[in-house]
Amino acid sequence: MASKRLTASEMRAWRAYAETTGHLHAALEADLTPHGFSLGDYEVLVILSEATDGALRMCDLSEKLGLSPSGLTRRLDGLVKLGYVLRSQCSSDRRVMFASITPTGLEALESAVTDHVLSVRRHLIGQLTPEQIVSLGDIFISVGTALGRPPGTAP
């Protein structure tokens, strides 16, 4: 049976993660603010832009984002109002709803990509050695796999 307490090195790793992720998220979010959407919105647009025909079933999008159906509805509401995402019903099964990125959504995503990449480099990638970057990828692939979230299709 594992110890109830973390070892000193485990505590160091956990606290570093816990104390940093919120600040990293806030910094990345702040750099997207001029584009009029959040980091969560950006993630939706990226996922839809990479999907076949720019569309996914709402249940699949919810799974990819780790959101409940109601959480996804709330996330999409603002994007629909902005004209970035369209919700539509499946023609062959009325129970199935799709979310698709619109041309306006693709334009908004494209306008934000450069700033977002610069932000990721400034706040994360630029602080790491090449070896640490590989380790970071390996770490989160392992954690994601253990959580039942296999790695995505990114190289």
N, C-alpha and C. Protein backbone atom coordinates (compact mmCIF):
# COMPACT_ATOMS: atom_id res chain seq x y z
N MET A 1 0.84 -1.18 0.00
CA MET A 1 0.00 0.00 0.00
C MET A 1 0.89 1.25 0.00
N ALA A 2 0.55 2.21 -0.83
CA ALA A 2 1.34 3.44 -0.93
C ALA A 2 1.17 4.29 0.32
N SER A 3 2.20 5.04 0.62
CA SER A 3 2.17 5.94 1.76
C SER A 3 1.03 6.95 1.61
N LYS A 4 0.45 7.37 2.73
CA LYS A 4 -0.61 8.37 2.70
C LYS A 4 -0.07 9.76 2.41
N ARG A 5 1.19 9.95 2.61
CA ARG A 5 1.81 11.25 2.37
C ARG A 5 2.72 11.17 1.15
N LEU A 6 2.86 12.30 0.50
CA LEU A 6 3.78 12.38 -0.62
C LEU A 6 5.20 12.51 -0.09
N THR A 7 6.14 11.94 -0.84
CA THR A 7 7.54 12.14 -0.48
C THR A 7 7.89 13.60 -0.76
N ALA A 8 9.05 14.02 -0.31
CA ALA A 8 9.47 15.41 -0.53
C ALA A 8 9.54 15.73 -2.02
N SER A 9 10.08 14.82 -2.83
CA SER A 9 10.17 15.11 -4.27
C SER A 9 8.79 15.06 -4.94
N GLU A 10 7.92 14.15 -4.48
CA GLU A 10 6.56 14.11 -5.01
C GLU A 10 5.81 15.39 -4.65
N MET A 11 5.98 15.85 -3.41
CA MET A 11 5.33 17.09 -2.97
C MET A 11 5.86 18.28 -3.77
N ARG A 12 7.15 18.32 -4.00
CA ARG A 12 7.75 19.40 -4.79
C ARG A 12 7.14 19.44 -6.18
N ALA A 13 7.04 18.28 -6.83
CA ALA A 13 6.47 18.20 -8.18
C ALA A 13 5.00 18.60 -8.17
N TRP A 14 4.24 18.07 -7.21
CA TRP A 14 2.82 18.38 -7.15
C TRP A 14 2.58 19.87 -6.89
N ARG A 15 3.28 20.44 -5.92
CA ARG A 15 3.08 21.85 -5.59
C ARG A 15 3.50 22.75 -6.74
N ALA A 16 4.58 22.41 -7.41
CA ALA A 16 5.02 23.21 -8.55
C ALA A 16 3.94 23.20 -9.63
N TYR A 17 3.38 22.03 -9.90
CA TYR A 17 2.29 21.93 -10.88
C TYR A 17 1.08 22.74 -10.41
N ALA A 18 0.63 22.47 -9.20
CA ALA A 18 -0.59 23.10 -8.69
C ALA A 18 -0.47 24.61 -8.59
N GLU A 19 0.69 25.10 -8.22
CA GLU A 19 0.87 26.54 -8.03
C GLU A 19 1.15 27.28 -9.34
N THR A 20 1.45 26.55 -10.39
CA THR A 20 1.82 27.19 -11.66
C THR A 20 0.73 27.13 -12.70
N THR A 21 -0.04 26.06 -12.75
CA THR A 21 -0.99 25.89 -13.86
C THR A 21 -2.04 26.99 -13.94
N GLY A 22 -2.55 27.42 -12.82
CA GLY A 22 -3.53 28.50 -12.84
C GLY A 22 -2.96 29.79 -13.41
N HIS A 23 -1.73 30.10 -13.02
CA HIS A 23 -1.07 31.31 -13.52
C HIS A 23 -0.74 31.19 -15.01
N LEU A 24 -0.33 30.00 -15.43
CA LEU A 24 -0.05 29.79 -16.85
C LEU A 24 -1.33 29.94 -17.67
N HIS A 25 -2.40 29.34 -17.21
CA HIS A 25 -3.69 29.45 -17.89
C HIS A 25 -4.11 30.91 -17.98
N ALA A 26 -3.97 31.66 -16.89
CA ALA A 26 -4.35 33.08 -16.88
C ALA A 26 -3.51 33.89 -17.86
N ALA A 27 -2.23 33.60 -17.95
CA ALA A 27 -1.36 34.32 -18.88
C ALA A 27 -1.74 34.03 -20.33
N LEU A 28 -1.99 32.76 -20.64
CA LEU A 28 -2.40 32.39 -22.00
C LEU A 28 -3.75 33.00 -22.33
N GLU A 29 -4.64 33.00 -21.37
CA GLU A 29 -5.98 33.57 -21.54
C GLU A 29 -5.88 35.08 -21.81
N ALA A 30 -5.05 35.77 -21.04
CA ALA A 30 -4.90 37.22 -21.19
C ALA A 30 -4.39 37.58 -22.58
N ASP A 31 -3.52 36.74 -23.12
CA ASP A 31 -2.98 37.01 -24.45
C ASP A 31 -4.00 36.76 -25.57
N LEU A 32 -5.09 36.06 -25.26
CA LEU A 32 -6.17 35.86 -26.24
C LEU A 32 -7.26 36.91 -26.11
N THR A 33 -7.28 37.63 -25.01
CA THR A 33 -8.33 38.63 -24.76
C THR A 33 -8.51 39.62 -25.91
N PRO A 34 -7.43 40.14 -26.51
CA PRO A 34 -7.63 41.08 -27.62
C PRO A 34 -8.39 40.47 -28.81
N HIS A 35 -8.42 39.15 -28.88
CA HIS A 35 -9.13 38.48 -29.97
C HIS A 35 -10.59 38.22 -29.64
N GLY A 36 -10.99 38.52 -28.41
CA GLY A 36 -12.40 38.44 -28.03
C GLY A 36 -12.89 37.07 -27.63
N PHE A 37 -11.96 36.17 -27.33
CA PHE A 37 -12.42 34.88 -26.83
C PHE A 37 -11.42 34.30 -25.84
N SER A 38 -11.89 33.29 -25.12
CA SER A 38 -11.12 32.67 -24.05
C SER A 38 -10.26 31.53 -24.58
N LEU A 39 -9.40 31.01 -23.72
CA LEU A 39 -8.59 29.85 -24.05
C LEU A 39 -9.49 28.65 -24.34
N GLY A 40 -10.56 28.50 -23.58
CA GLY A 40 -11.53 27.42 -23.84
C GLY A 40 -12.19 27.57 -25.20
N ASP A 41 -12.54 28.80 -25.56
CA ASP A 41 -13.12 29.06 -26.88
C ASP A 41 -12.11 28.71 -27.97
N TYR A 42 -10.87 29.12 -27.76
CA TYR A 42 -9.79 28.83 -28.72
C TYR A 42 -9.68 27.33 -28.94
N GLU A 43 -9.72 26.58 -27.84
CA GLU A 43 -9.62 25.12 -27.93
C GLU A 43 -10.76 24.54 -28.76
N VAL A 44 -11.97 25.04 -28.56
CA VAL A 44 -13.11 24.58 -29.36
C VAL A 44 -12.85 24.83 -30.84
N LEU A 45 -12.43 26.04 -31.16
CA LEU A 45 -12.20 26.40 -32.56
C LEU A 45 -11.10 25.54 -33.18
N VAL A 46 -10.04 25.27 -32.43
CA VAL A 46 -8.96 24.42 -32.94
C VAL A 46 -9.49 23.02 -33.22
N ILE A 47 -10.20 22.44 -32.27
CA ILE A 47 -10.71 21.07 -32.43
C ILE A 47 -11.64 20.99 -33.64
N LEU A 48 -12.55 21.96 -33.76
CA LEU A 48 -13.47 21.94 -34.90
C LEU A 48 -12.74 22.17 -36.21
N SER A 49 -11.73 23.03 -36.20
CA SER A 49 -11.00 23.30 -37.44
C SER A 49 -10.24 22.07 -37.92
N GLU A 50 -9.87 21.19 -37.01
CA GLU A 50 -9.12 19.98 -37.36
C GLU A 50 -10.04 18.81 -37.71
N ALA A 51 -11.34 18.94 -37.44
CA ALA A 51 -12.29 17.86 -37.71
C ALA A 51 -12.63 17.80 -39.20
N THR A 52 -13.01 16.62 -39.64
CA THR A 52 -13.45 16.44 -41.01
C THR A 52 -14.62 17.38 -41.28
N ASP A 53 -14.52 18.16 -42.34
CA ASP A 53 -15.54 19.14 -42.72
C ASP A 53 -15.78 20.20 -41.63
N GLY A 54 -14.87 20.31 -40.65
CA GLY A 54 -14.99 21.32 -39.62
C GLY A 54 -16.15 21.10 -38.66
N ALA A 55 -16.63 19.85 -38.57
CA ALA A 55 -17.80 19.57 -37.73
C ALA A 55 -17.58 18.31 -36.91
N LEU A 56 -18.19 18.30 -35.73
CA LEU A 56 -18.19 17.13 -34.85
C LEU A 56 -19.56 16.99 -34.21
N ARG A 57 -19.89 15.74 -33.89
CA ARG A 57 -21.09 15.54 -33.08
C ARG A 57 -20.84 16.20 -31.73
N MET A 58 -21.87 16.78 -31.17
CA MET A 58 -21.72 17.47 -29.88
C MET A 58 -21.18 16.52 -28.81
N CYS A 59 -21.61 15.27 -28.81
CA CYS A 59 -21.13 14.32 -27.81
C CYS A 59 -19.63 14.07 -27.97
N ASP A 60 -19.15 14.03 -29.21
CA ASP A 60 -17.72 13.83 -29.45
C ASP A 60 -16.91 15.06 -29.04
N LEU A 61 -17.43 16.23 -29.33
CA LEU A 61 -16.76 17.47 -28.94
C LEU A 61 -16.71 17.58 -27.42
N SER A 62 -17.80 17.24 -26.78
CA SER A 62 -17.86 17.25 -25.32
C SER A 62 -16.79 16.33 -24.73
N GLU A 63 -16.64 15.15 -25.30
CA GLU A 63 -15.65 14.19 -24.83
C GLU A 63 -14.24 14.73 -25.02
N LYS A 64 -13.95 15.29 -26.19
CA LYS A 64 -12.60 15.83 -26.46
C LYS A 64 -12.24 16.95 -25.49
N LEU A 65 -13.23 17.75 -25.12
CA LEU A 65 -12.99 18.89 -24.23
C LEU A 65 -13.06 18.52 -22.75
N GLY A 66 -13.58 17.33 -22.45
CA GLY A 66 -13.75 16.94 -21.06
C GLY A 66 -14.84 17.74 -20.37
N LEU A 67 -15.88 18.10 -21.14
CA LEU A 67 -16.99 18.89 -20.61
C LEU A 67 -18.26 18.05 -20.58
N SER A 68 -19.14 18.36 -19.65
CA SER A 68 -20.47 17.76 -19.64
C SER A 68 -21.26 18.34 -20.81
N PRO A 69 -22.35 17.70 -21.20
CA PRO A 69 -23.17 18.28 -22.27
C PRO A 69 -23.63 19.70 -21.96
N SER A 70 -24.01 19.97 -20.72
CA SER A 70 -24.46 21.33 -20.38
C SER A 70 -23.27 22.29 -20.37
N GLY A 71 -22.10 21.81 -19.94
CA GLY A 71 -20.90 22.65 -19.98
C GLY A 71 -20.52 23.01 -21.40
N LEU A 72 -20.67 22.05 -22.32
CA LEU A 72 -20.39 22.32 -23.72
C LEU A 72 -21.40 23.31 -24.29
N THR A 73 -22.66 23.17 -23.94
CA THR A 73 -23.67 24.11 -24.41
C THR A 73 -23.32 25.52 -23.97
N ARG A 74 -22.94 25.69 -22.72
CA ARG A 74 -22.55 27.01 -22.22
C ARG A 74 -21.32 27.53 -22.96
N ARG A 75 -20.35 26.66 -23.20
CA ARG A 75 -19.12 27.06 -23.90
C ARG A 75 -19.45 27.50 -25.33
N LEU A 76 -20.35 26.78 -25.98
CA LEU A 76 -20.67 27.10 -27.37
C LEU A 76 -21.58 28.32 -27.52
N ASP A 77 -22.37 28.63 -26.51
CA ASP A 77 -23.32 29.75 -26.61
C ASP A 77 -22.66 31.03 -27.11
N GLY A 78 -21.55 31.41 -26.49
CA GLY A 78 -20.86 32.64 -26.89
C GLY A 78 -20.30 32.55 -28.30
N LEU A 79 -19.77 31.39 -28.66
CA LEU A 79 -19.20 31.21 -29.99
C LEU A 79 -20.28 31.24 -31.07
N VAL A 80 -21.46 30.73 -30.73
CA VAL A 80 -22.58 30.78 -31.67
C VAL A 80 -23.03 32.24 -31.85
N LYS A 81 -23.12 32.97 -30.74
CA LYS A 81 -23.52 34.39 -30.82
C LYS A 81 -22.54 35.21 -31.65
N LEU A 82 -21.25 34.88 -31.56
CA LEU A 82 -20.23 35.58 -32.35
C LEU A 82 -20.23 35.16 -33.82
N GLY A 83 -20.96 34.09 -34.13
CA GLY A 83 -20.99 33.58 -35.50
C GLY A 83 -19.80 32.70 -35.83
N TYR A 84 -19.09 32.21 -34.81
CA TYR A 84 -17.90 31.38 -35.02
C TYR A 84 -18.24 29.89 -35.14
N VAL A 85 -19.33 29.50 -34.52
CA VAL A 85 -19.75 28.10 -34.50
C VAL A 85 -21.24 28.04 -34.84
N LEU A 86 -21.61 26.98 -35.54
CA LEU A 86 -23.00 26.74 -35.89
C LEU A 86 -23.41 25.40 -35.29
N ARG A 87 -24.58 25.36 -34.68
CA ARG A 87 -25.16 24.10 -34.21
C ARG A 87 -26.18 23.66 -35.25
N SER A 88 -26.19 22.37 -35.54
CA SER A 88 -27.18 21.86 -36.49
C SER A 88 -27.57 20.44 -36.11
N GLN A 89 -28.77 20.08 -36.52
CA GLN A 89 -29.30 18.75 -36.24
C GLN A 89 -28.92 17.80 -37.37
N CYS A 90 -28.61 16.58 -37.02
CA CYS A 90 -28.30 15.56 -38.01
C CYS A 90 -29.56 15.26 -38.82
N SER A 91 -29.42 15.19 -40.13
CA SER A 91 -30.58 14.96 -40.99
C SER A 91 -31.11 13.53 -40.87
N SER A 92 -30.25 12.57 -40.51
CA SER A 92 -30.68 11.18 -40.43
C SER A 92 -31.07 10.73 -39.02
N ASP A 93 -30.68 11.49 -38.00
CA ASP A 93 -31.01 11.13 -36.62
C ASP A 93 -31.22 12.41 -35.83
N ARG A 94 -32.45 12.76 -35.58
CA ARG A 94 -32.79 14.04 -34.95
C ARG A 94 -32.25 14.17 -33.53
N ARG A 95 -31.83 13.05 -32.93
CA ARG A 95 -31.26 13.11 -31.58
C ARG A 95 -29.84 13.62 -31.59
N VAL A 96 -29.20 13.61 -32.75
CA VAL A 96 -27.78 13.97 -32.86
C VAL A 96 -27.65 15.42 -33.30
N MET A 97 -26.82 16.15 -32.55
CA MET A 97 -26.53 17.54 -32.89
C MET A 97 -25.06 17.65 -33.27
N PHE A 98 -24.79 18.54 -34.21
CA PHE A 98 -23.42 18.81 -34.64
C PHE A 98 -23.04 20.23 -34.28
N ALA A 99 -21.76 20.43 -34.06
CA ALA A 99 -21.17 21.77 -33.94
C ALA A 99 -20.18 21.88 -35.09
N SER A 100 -20.21 22.99 -35.79
CA SER A 100 -19.27 23.19 -36.89
C SER A 100 -18.71 24.60 -36.84
N ILE A 101 -17.48 24.71 -37.27
CA ILE A 101 -16.83 26.01 -37.31
C ILE A 101 -17.28 26.71 -38.59
N THR A 102 -17.56 27.98 -38.48
CA THR A 102 -18.00 28.76 -39.63
C THR A 102 -16.79 29.43 -40.29
N PRO A 103 -16.96 29.95 -41.49
CA PRO A 103 -15.86 30.71 -42.09
C PRO A 103 -15.41 31.88 -41.20
N THR A 104 -16.34 32.52 -40.53
CA THR A 104 -16.00 33.60 -39.60
C THR A 104 -15.18 33.07 -38.43
N GLY A 105 -15.54 31.87 -37.95
CA GLY A 105 -14.79 31.23 -36.88
C GLY A 105 -13.37 30.88 -37.30
N LEU A 106 -13.24 30.38 -38.54
CA LEU A 106 -11.90 30.08 -39.07
C LEU A 106 -11.06 31.34 -39.17
N GLU A 107 -11.66 32.44 -39.61
CA GLU A 107 -10.94 33.71 -39.69
C GLU A 107 -10.49 34.17 -38.31
N ALA A 108 -11.39 34.07 -37.33
CA ALA A 108 -11.06 34.47 -35.96
C ALA A 108 -9.92 33.62 -35.40
N LEU A 109 -9.98 32.32 -35.67
CA LEU A 109 -8.93 31.42 -35.21
C LEU A 109 -7.60 31.79 -35.87
N GLU A 110 -7.62 31.98 -37.16
CA GLU A 110 -6.40 32.34 -37.88
C GLU A 110 -5.80 33.65 -37.37
N SER A 111 -6.66 34.60 -37.02
CA SER A 111 -6.14 35.88 -36.52
C SER A 111 -5.50 35.75 -35.15
N ALA A 112 -5.88 34.72 -34.40
CA ALA A 112 -5.36 34.53 -33.05
C ALA A 112 -4.18 33.58 -32.97
N VAL A 113 -3.98 32.75 -33.99
CA VAL A 113 -2.96 31.69 -33.92
C VAL A 113 -1.57 32.25 -33.63
N THR A 114 -1.15 33.26 -34.35
CA THR A 114 0.20 33.78 -34.16
C THR A 114 0.40 34.29 -32.74
N ASP A 115 -0.56 35.07 -32.23
CA ASP A 115 -0.44 35.57 -30.86
C ASP A 115 -0.44 34.43 -29.84
N HIS A 116 -1.28 33.42 -30.09
CA HIS A 116 -1.35 32.30 -29.15
C HIS A 116 -0.03 31.52 -29.14
N VAL A 117 0.52 31.26 -30.31
CA VAL A 117 1.80 30.53 -30.37
C VAL A 117 2.90 31.33 -29.68
N LEU A 118 2.94 32.63 -29.92
CA LEU A 118 3.92 33.47 -29.24
C LEU A 118 3.73 33.41 -27.72
N SER A 119 2.48 33.41 -27.28
CA SER A 119 2.18 33.33 -25.86
C SER A 119 2.65 32.00 -25.27
N VAL A 120 2.36 30.90 -25.97
CA VAL A 120 2.80 29.58 -25.49
C VAL A 120 4.33 29.53 -25.42
N ARG A 121 4.99 30.09 -26.42
CA ARG A 121 6.46 30.12 -26.40
C ARG A 121 6.97 30.98 -25.25
N ARG A 122 6.38 32.16 -25.06
CA ARG A 122 6.86 33.08 -24.03
C ARG A 122 6.65 32.52 -22.62
N HIS A 123 5.48 31.95 -22.38
CA HIS A 123 5.14 31.53 -21.02
C HIS A 123 5.51 30.09 -20.68
N LEU A 124 5.75 29.25 -21.69
CA LEU A 124 6.03 27.84 -21.40
C LEU A 124 7.24 27.32 -22.16
N ILE A 125 7.11 27.17 -23.45
CA ILE A 125 8.16 26.51 -24.24
C ILE A 125 9.51 27.21 -24.10
N GLY A 126 9.51 28.53 -24.11
CA GLY A 126 10.77 29.27 -24.01
C GLY A 126 11.46 29.15 -22.66
N GLN A 127 10.77 28.60 -21.68
CA GLN A 127 11.35 28.44 -20.34
C GLN A 127 11.98 27.06 -20.17
N LEU A 128 11.88 26.22 -21.20
CA LEU A 128 12.30 24.83 -21.09
C LEU A 128 13.42 24.49 -22.06
N THR A 129 14.22 23.51 -21.68
CA THR A 129 15.22 22.97 -22.60
C THR A 129 14.51 22.01 -23.56
N PRO A 130 15.15 21.67 -24.67
CA PRO A 130 14.54 20.68 -25.57
C PRO A 130 14.22 19.36 -24.86
N GLU A 131 15.09 18.95 -23.97
CA GLU A 131 14.86 17.71 -23.22
C GLU A 131 13.64 17.83 -22.31
N GLN A 132 13.49 18.99 -21.66
CA GLN A 132 12.33 19.20 -20.79
C GLN A 132 11.03 19.21 -21.59
N ILE A 133 11.09 19.75 -22.80
CA ILE A 133 9.89 19.76 -23.65
C ILE A 133 9.46 18.34 -23.98
N VAL A 134 10.42 17.49 -24.33
CA VAL A 134 10.11 16.08 -24.60
C VAL A 134 9.54 15.43 -23.34
N SER A 135 10.15 15.67 -22.19
CA SER A 135 9.68 15.10 -20.93
C SER A 135 8.27 15.58 -20.60
N LEU A 136 8.01 16.87 -20.80
CA LEU A 136 6.69 17.41 -20.52
C LEU A 136 5.63 16.72 -21.38
N GLY A 137 5.94 16.53 -22.65
CA GLY A 137 5.01 15.79 -23.52
C GLY A 137 4.79 14.38 -23.03
N ASP A 138 5.87 13.70 -22.68
CA ASP A 138 5.76 12.33 -22.17
C ASP A 138 4.94 12.28 -20.89
N ILE A 139 5.16 13.23 -20.00
CA ILE A 139 4.44 13.27 -18.73
C ILE A 139 2.94 13.39 -18.97
N PHE A 140 2.53 14.34 -19.79
CA PHE A 140 1.10 14.55 -19.97
C PHE A 140 0.44 13.49 -20.84
N ILE A 141 1.21 12.84 -21.70
CA ILE A 141 0.66 11.69 -22.43
C ILE A 141 0.40 10.56 -21.44
N SER A 142 1.33 10.33 -20.51
CA SER A 142 1.14 9.28 -19.49
C SER A 142 -0.05 9.58 -18.59
N VAL A 143 -0.13 10.82 -18.11
CA VAL A 143 -1.23 11.19 -17.22
C VAL A 143 -2.56 11.10 -17.97
N GLY A 144 -2.59 11.62 -19.19
CA GLY A 144 -3.82 11.58 -19.99
C GLY A 144 -4.25 10.16 -20.28
N THR A 145 -3.32 9.30 -20.60
CA THR A 145 -3.63 7.90 -20.87
C THR A 145 -4.21 7.24 -19.63
N ALA A 146 -3.60 7.51 -18.46
CA ALA A 146 -4.12 6.93 -17.20
C ALA A 146 -5.51 7.44 -16.87
N LEU A 147 -5.84 8.63 -17.36
CA LEU A 147 -7.18 9.20 -17.14
C LEU A 147 -8.16 8.74 -18.23
N GLY A 148 -7.70 7.86 -19.11
CA GLY A 148 -8.56 7.37 -20.17
C GLY A 148 -8.67 8.31 -21.35
N ARG A 149 -7.72 9.22 -21.47
CA ARG A 149 -7.72 10.23 -22.55
C ARG A 149 -6.48 9.98 -23.41
N PRO A 150 -6.60 9.09 -24.39
CA PRO A 150 -5.43 8.79 -25.22
C PRO A 150 -4.93 10.04 -25.92
N PRO A 151 -3.63 10.05 -26.22
CA PRO A 151 -3.06 11.24 -26.86
C PRO A 151 -3.76 11.56 -28.17
N GLY A 152 -3.78 12.85 -28.51
CA GLY A 152 -4.40 13.30 -29.75
C GLY A 152 -3.56 12.94 -30.95
N THR A 153 -3.87 13.57 -32.07
CA THR A 153 -3.20 13.24 -33.32
C THR A 153 -2.01 14.13 -33.60
N ALA A 154 -1.72 15.09 -32.71
CA ALA A 154 -0.58 15.98 -32.93
C ALA A 154 0.70 15.16 -32.91
N PRO A 155 1.70 15.53 -33.70
CA PRO A 155 2.94 14.75 -33.74
C PRO A 155 3.69 14.80 -32.42
